[in-house]
Protein backbone atom coordinates (compact mmCIF):
# COMPACT_ATOMS: atom_id res chain seq x y z
CA UNK A 1 49.37 68.75 -97.07
CA UNK A 2 52.51 66.82 -96.10
CA UNK A 3 55.03 66.33 -98.91
CA UNK A 4 56.37 62.73 -98.81
CA UNK A 5 59.51 63.83 -100.64
CA UNK A 6 60.56 65.50 -97.38
CA UNK A 7 61.26 61.99 -96.06
CA UNK A 8 64.32 61.40 -98.23
CA UNK A 9 67.39 63.04 -99.69
CA UNK A 10 68.67 62.38 -103.22
CA UNK A 11 72.34 62.11 -104.11
CA UNK A 12 73.57 64.99 -106.26
CA UNK A 13 74.95 62.77 -109.01
CA UNK A 14 72.34 60.26 -110.21
CA UNK A 15 72.59 58.88 -113.75
CA UNK A 16 69.57 58.58 -116.00
CA UNK A 17 67.95 55.16 -115.62
CA UNK A 18 65.70 53.26 -118.01
CA UNK A 19 62.89 51.25 -116.37
CA UNK A 20 64.97 49.84 -113.49
CA UNK A 21 63.73 47.12 -111.16
CA UNK A 22 63.50 48.06 -107.47
CA UNK A 23 64.30 45.26 -105.01
CA UNK A 24 63.48 45.92 -101.38
CA UNK A 25 63.66 44.29 -97.98
CA UNK A 26 63.24 45.71 -94.49
CA UNK A 27 64.63 44.25 -91.27
CA UNK A 28 62.19 43.84 -88.41
CA UNK A 29 59.35 41.78 -89.87
CA UNK A 30 59.07 38.00 -90.36
CA UNK A 31 62.13 36.72 -92.23
CA UNK A 32 62.60 33.04 -91.45
CA UNK A 33 66.11 31.80 -92.10
CA UNK A 34 67.19 35.46 -92.56
CA UNK A 35 66.18 34.89 -96.18
CA UNK A 36 65.76 38.46 -97.34
CA UNK A 37 68.57 39.84 -95.23
CA UNK A 38 71.10 37.29 -96.50
CA UNK A 39 70.00 37.75 -100.11
CA UNK A 40 70.29 41.54 -100.07
CA UNK A 41 73.55 41.53 -98.09
CA UNK A 42 75.03 39.09 -100.60
CA UNK A 43 74.16 41.35 -103.54
CA UNK A 44 75.57 44.45 -101.86
CA UNK A 45 78.79 42.58 -101.00
CA UNK A 46 79.32 41.09 -104.47
CA UNK A 47 78.01 43.75 -106.88
CA UNK A 48 79.11 47.31 -107.56
CA UNK A 49 76.76 49.71 -105.79
CA UNK A 50 76.43 53.10 -104.18
CA UNK A 51 73.78 54.87 -102.11
CA UNK A 52 71.70 57.36 -104.08
CA UNK A 53 68.79 57.93 -101.67
CA UNK A 54 68.79 58.18 -97.87
CA UNK A 55 65.64 58.33 -95.77
CA UNK A 56 65.06 60.38 -92.61
CA UNK A 57 65.49 57.62 -90.04
CA UNK A 58 64.89 60.06 -87.18
CA UNK A 59 61.29 60.43 -88.31
CA UNK A 60 60.66 56.83 -89.35
CA UNK A 61 62.24 54.78 -86.56
CA UNK A 62 61.42 54.24 -82.90
CA UNK A 63 64.82 54.13 -81.22
CA UNK A 64 63.37 52.97 -77.91
CA UNK A 65 61.91 49.81 -79.46
CA UNK A 66 65.09 49.02 -81.43
CA UNK A 67 67.96 50.73 -79.71
CA UNK A 68 71.02 51.26 -81.93
CA UNK A 69 74.36 49.97 -80.67
CA UNK A 70 76.83 52.40 -79.09
CA UNK A 71 80.44 51.67 -78.15
CA UNK A 72 81.86 52.73 -74.79
CA UNK A 73 85.65 52.55 -74.45
CA UNK A 74 87.17 53.01 -70.97
CA UNK A 75 85.98 56.53 -70.24
CA UNK A 76 84.16 57.78 -73.34
CA UNK A 77 81.63 56.96 -76.04
CA UNK A 78 83.51 56.20 -79.25
CA UNK A 79 80.90 55.12 -81.79
CA UNK A 80 77.20 55.11 -82.64
CA UNK A 81 75.75 52.61 -85.12
CA UNK A 82 73.55 55.04 -87.02
CA UNK A 83 70.56 53.29 -88.60
CA UNK A 84 70.40 53.65 -92.37
CA UNK A 85 67.39 53.17 -94.58
CA UNK A 86 68.59 53.78 -98.11
CA UNK A 87 68.31 53.00 -101.80
CA UNK A 88 71.39 51.71 -103.59
CA UNK A 89 72.12 51.88 -107.30
CA UNK A 90 73.45 48.41 -108.18
CA UNK A 91 74.64 46.75 -111.39
CA UNK A 92 74.15 43.05 -112.08
CA UNK A 93 76.77 40.77 -113.69
CA UNK A 94 75.82 42.02 -117.14
CA UNK A 95 76.09 45.66 -116.13
CA UNK A 96 72.34 46.31 -115.99
CA UNK A 97 71.40 48.89 -113.34
CA UNK A 98 68.75 48.21 -110.73
CA UNK A 99 67.76 49.73 -107.39
CA UNK A 100 67.83 48.11 -103.96
CA UNK A 101 66.10 49.55 -100.89
CA UNK A 102 67.29 48.14 -97.56
CA UNK A 103 67.34 49.01 -93.89
CA UNK A 104 65.17 48.76 -90.78
CA UNK A 105 61.41 48.68 -91.32
CA UNK A 106 59.86 52.07 -90.50
CA UNK A 107 58.02 52.14 -87.17
CA UNK A 108 55.87 55.15 -87.98
CA UNK A 109 54.46 57.24 -90.86
CA UNK A 110 53.85 54.17 -93.03
CA UNK A 111 51.52 55.94 -95.45
CA UNK A 112 53.92 58.83 -95.84
CA UNK A 113 56.77 56.40 -96.43
CA UNK A 114 54.75 54.56 -99.10
CA UNK A 115 54.10 57.95 -100.67
CA UNK A 116 57.85 58.58 -100.71
CA UNK A 117 58.46 55.20 -102.39
CA UNK A 118 55.77 56.06 -104.95
CA UNK A 119 57.46 59.40 -105.68
CA UNK A 120 60.84 57.71 -106.09
CA UNK A 121 59.34 55.05 -108.37
CA UNK A 122 58.07 57.90 -110.55
CA UNK A 123 61.40 59.74 -110.34
CA UNK A 124 63.41 56.73 -111.53
CA UNK A 125 60.79 55.21 -113.85
CA UNK A 126 60.75 51.93 -111.91
CA UNK A 127 59.34 49.10 -114.04
CA UNK A 128 58.78 46.52 -111.27
CA UNK A 129 59.11 46.35 -107.49
CA UNK A 130 60.15 43.02 -105.93
CA UNK A 131 60.47 41.99 -102.30
CA UNK A 132 61.47 38.65 -100.74
CA UNK A 133 61.46 37.18 -97.26
CA UNK A 134 61.24 33.80 -95.52
CA UNK A 135 58.23 32.30 -93.76
CA UNK A 136 58.38 29.26 -91.43
CA UNK A 137 56.66 26.17 -92.84
CA UNK A 138 56.33 22.53 -91.76
CA UNK A 139 58.70 21.33 -94.49
CA UNK A 140 61.95 19.30 -94.25
CA UNK A 141 65.27 20.75 -95.37
CA UNK A 142 65.84 17.55 -97.39
CA UNK A 143 63.26 18.60 -99.98
CA UNK A 144 63.44 21.50 -102.46
CA UNK A 145 62.32 24.74 -100.83
CA UNK A 146 58.91 25.94 -101.90
CA UNK A 147 57.91 29.49 -102.66
CA UNK A 148 54.67 31.46 -102.55
CA UNK A 149 54.77 34.24 -105.16
CA UNK A 150 52.18 37.00 -105.10
CA UNK A 151 51.78 40.21 -106.99
CA UNK A 152 49.65 42.94 -108.46
CA UNK A 153 49.68 41.59 -112.02
CA UNK A 154 49.17 37.86 -112.76
CA UNK A 155 51.38 37.98 -115.86
CA UNK A 156 54.34 38.99 -113.69
CA UNK A 157 54.16 35.62 -111.92
CA UNK A 158 54.15 33.39 -115.01
CA UNK A 159 57.87 32.62 -114.85
CA UNK A 160 57.41 31.44 -111.25
CA UNK A 161 54.80 28.78 -112.05
CA UNK A 162 57.39 26.06 -111.48
CA UNK A 163 57.24 26.71 -107.74
CA UNK A 164 53.72 25.29 -107.65
CA UNK A 165 50.39 26.51 -106.34
CA UNK A 166 50.22 28.57 -103.15
CA UNK A 167 49.21 26.45 -100.13
CA UNK A 168 47.37 29.44 -98.67
CA UNK A 169 43.78 30.52 -99.06
CA UNK A 170 42.34 33.68 -97.55
CA UNK A 171 44.23 34.47 -94.34
CA UNK A 172 44.53 37.38 -91.93
CA UNK A 173 48.09 38.32 -90.94
CA UNK A 174 49.87 41.25 -89.26
CA UNK A 175 50.75 43.98 -91.73
CA UNK A 176 54.19 45.12 -92.84
CA UNK A 177 55.56 48.08 -94.76
CA UNK A 178 56.75 45.72 -97.50
CA UNK A 179 53.22 44.36 -97.96
CA UNK A 180 51.70 47.84 -97.80
CA UNK A 181 53.98 49.04 -100.61
CA UNK A 182 52.80 46.17 -102.80
CA UNK A 183 49.15 46.82 -101.88
CA UNK A 184 49.16 50.60 -102.30
CA UNK A 185 51.28 50.72 -105.45
CA UNK A 186 49.29 47.85 -106.90
CA UNK A 187 46.18 49.97 -106.47
CA UNK A 188 47.96 52.57 -108.61
CA UNK A 189 48.32 49.98 -111.38
CA UNK A 190 52.03 49.40 -110.78
CA UNK A 191 53.82 46.08 -111.16
CA UNK A 192 54.84 44.71 -107.76
CA UNK A 193 55.88 41.16 -106.82
CA UNK A 194 56.40 39.48 -103.44
CA UNK A 195 58.27 36.22 -102.85
CA UNK A 196 57.72 34.23 -99.65
CA UNK A 197 60.25 31.40 -99.37
CA UNK A 198 59.12 28.34 -97.37
CA UNK A 199 61.80 27.82 -94.72
CA UNK A 200 61.85 24.67 -92.52
CA UNK A 201 60.24 25.80 -89.28
CA UNK A 202 63.00 24.29 -87.14
CA UNK A 203 65.56 26.49 -88.95
CA UNK A 204 63.52 29.69 -88.90
CA UNK A 205 65.67 31.37 -86.23
CA UNK A 206 68.98 30.46 -87.86
CA UNK A 207 70.68 31.85 -90.95
CA UNK A 208 69.75 29.49 -93.78
CA UNK A 209 71.62 30.40 -96.99
CA UNK A 210 69.65 27.94 -99.13
CA UNK A 211 66.57 30.11 -98.60
CA UNK A 212 68.49 33.16 -99.87
CA UNK A 213 69.58 31.12 -102.92
CA UNK A 214 65.93 30.25 -103.61
CA UNK A 215 64.91 33.89 -103.25
CA UNK A 216 67.58 35.21 -105.62
CA UNK A 217 66.90 32.49 -108.20
CA UNK A 218 63.23 33.51 -108.16
CA UNK A 219 64.12 37.20 -108.44
CA UNK A 220 66.24 36.41 -111.49
CA UNK A 221 63.31 34.55 -113.07
CA UNK A 222 60.91 37.46 -112.67
CA UNK A 223 63.32 40.31 -113.46
CA UNK A 224 65.96 38.91 -115.83
CA UNK A 225 68.75 40.20 -113.56
CA UNK A 226 71.88 38.01 -113.27
CA UNK A 227 73.53 37.64 -109.88
CA UNK A 228 76.80 36.07 -108.66
CA UNK A 229 75.68 32.92 -106.89
CA UNK A 230 78.70 30.63 -106.48
CA UNK A 231 79.71 31.75 -102.98
CA UNK A 232 76.13 31.77 -101.70
CA UNK A 233 75.51 28.28 -103.11
CA UNK A 234 78.72 27.08 -101.46
CA UNK A 235 77.58 28.54 -98.12
CA UNK A 236 74.24 26.79 -98.55
CA UNK A 237 75.98 23.47 -99.22
CA UNK A 238 78.15 23.86 -96.11
CA UNK A 239 75.11 24.66 -93.96
CA UNK A 240 73.24 21.63 -95.31
CA UNK A 241 76.24 19.40 -94.57
CA UNK A 242 76.40 20.71 -90.99
CA UNK A 243 72.68 20.04 -90.51
CA UNK A 244 73.09 16.50 -91.86
CA UNK A 245 75.99 15.92 -89.49
CA UNK A 246 73.80 16.92 -86.56
CA UNK A 247 70.98 14.66 -87.71
CA UNK A 248 73.22 11.63 -88.26
CA UNK A 249 74.59 12.01 -84.74
CA UNK A 250 71.16 12.01 -83.13
CA UNK A 251 68.64 9.20 -83.53
CA UNK A 252 65.97 11.49 -82.08
CA UNK A 253 66.59 14.13 -84.76
CA UNK A 254 66.75 11.53 -87.54
CA UNK A 255 63.38 10.08 -86.51
CA UNK A 256 61.81 13.53 -86.31
CA UNK A 257 63.05 14.54 -89.77
CA UNK A 258 61.86 11.24 -91.24
CA UNK A 259 58.37 11.89 -89.93
CA UNK A 260 58.42 15.38 -91.41
CA UNK A 261 59.58 14.02 -94.77
CA UNK A 262 56.73 11.51 -94.84
CA UNK A 263 54.20 14.19 -94.00
CA UNK A 264 55.61 16.44 -96.73
CA UNK A 265 55.63 13.68 -99.35
CA UNK A 266 52.07 12.74 -98.47
CA UNK A 267 50.95 16.34 -98.90
CA UNK A 268 52.72 16.83 -102.22
CA UNK A 269 51.64 13.44 -103.58
CA UNK A 270 55.15 12.08 -103.69
CA UNK A 271 54.46 9.05 -101.50
CA UNK A 272 52.06 6.13 -101.60
CA UNK A 273 48.84 6.56 -99.66
CA UNK A 274 49.39 3.52 -97.46
CA UNK A 275 52.04 3.40 -94.73
CA UNK A 276 52.83 7.10 -95.05
CA UNK A 277 53.33 8.04 -91.45
CA UNK A 278 54.11 4.71 -89.82
CA UNK A 279 52.85 6.05 -86.50
CA UNK A 280 55.68 8.61 -86.35
CA UNK A 281 54.51 11.77 -84.64
CA UNK A 282 55.58 14.87 -86.58
CA UNK A 283 57.27 17.27 -84.15
CA UNK A 284 56.57 20.96 -83.91
CA UNK A 285 59.11 23.54 -85.06
CA UNK A 286 59.84 24.45 -81.45
CA UNK A 287 60.54 20.81 -80.57
CA UNK A 288 62.89 20.31 -83.51
CA UNK A 289 64.69 23.59 -82.85
CA UNK A 290 65.12 22.62 -79.19
CA UNK A 291 66.57 19.26 -80.24
CA UNK A 292 69.09 20.99 -82.53
CA UNK A 293 70.04 23.37 -79.72
CA UNK A 294 70.55 20.51 -77.26
CA UNK A 295 72.71 18.63 -79.74
CA UNK A 296 74.89 21.69 -80.42
CA UNK A 297 75.28 22.38 -76.70
CA UNK A 298 76.35 18.77 -76.04
CA UNK A 299 78.85 18.90 -78.91
CA UNK A 300 80.33 22.15 -77.63
CA UNK A 301 80.75 20.59 -74.16
CA UNK A 302 82.56 17.58 -75.71
CA UNK A 303 84.83 19.82 -77.76
CA UNK A 304 85.73 22.14 -74.87
């Protein structure tokens, strides 16, 4: 029988922990607006942390599908960007320890990897596992971002009721390691929560800091952890201002966003039932994204 603990290596000096939360996010699956990546990178940049667990990336990753970067300088190879899937020990602003698992999503041995996560959850006495990512939705950036919380225990989602009811029913979607962890560990009776932030579909391919702000605010609500948010909120405000500048400079974009706002307000009940759409066709995410790209290209040509 394969031992899942063979998939990771523990640091030699790990303090005793009391019911820590484990946050996790893997790169490679759907993450509209780079929501999960930005959120986790922000925490690692702003909070004290160190790596306490490293996974065997040689066994878990397919290098030919996601080739790591190497640096060639003149006549020799000088660097290799070694992939790292690891767990960090982090402390929030009040000094409370928690764990954060980040890195590329495993390409193979998913069940063995979930077994390794289960063993580590037992080893550290993890009280709750939480993951967050962004999903593209037909919503305007001018409205508060929505969120679909899900989890293995209904009581764990009570503090997130303010985000409203999930717009989804029963759906079939491609699997991910993050979802499999929640599913398998939930079957064990463990407390696991997932947070899917609703990112405007026309911004899904860009970095959208406001989505990371929404994710971290929701994580705080369901874990009690306190994070430094000032710089991330400032980045979100700058991004929103840049988007507004683009919209104001393009009548086509302004009309498209107005139509999307009316559709959103009609759906949420925030608008009157008559004269909601005013014959404005709501564009697709691809059309809006293309319009933003055209505007940016034209502005770069003017500035050059």
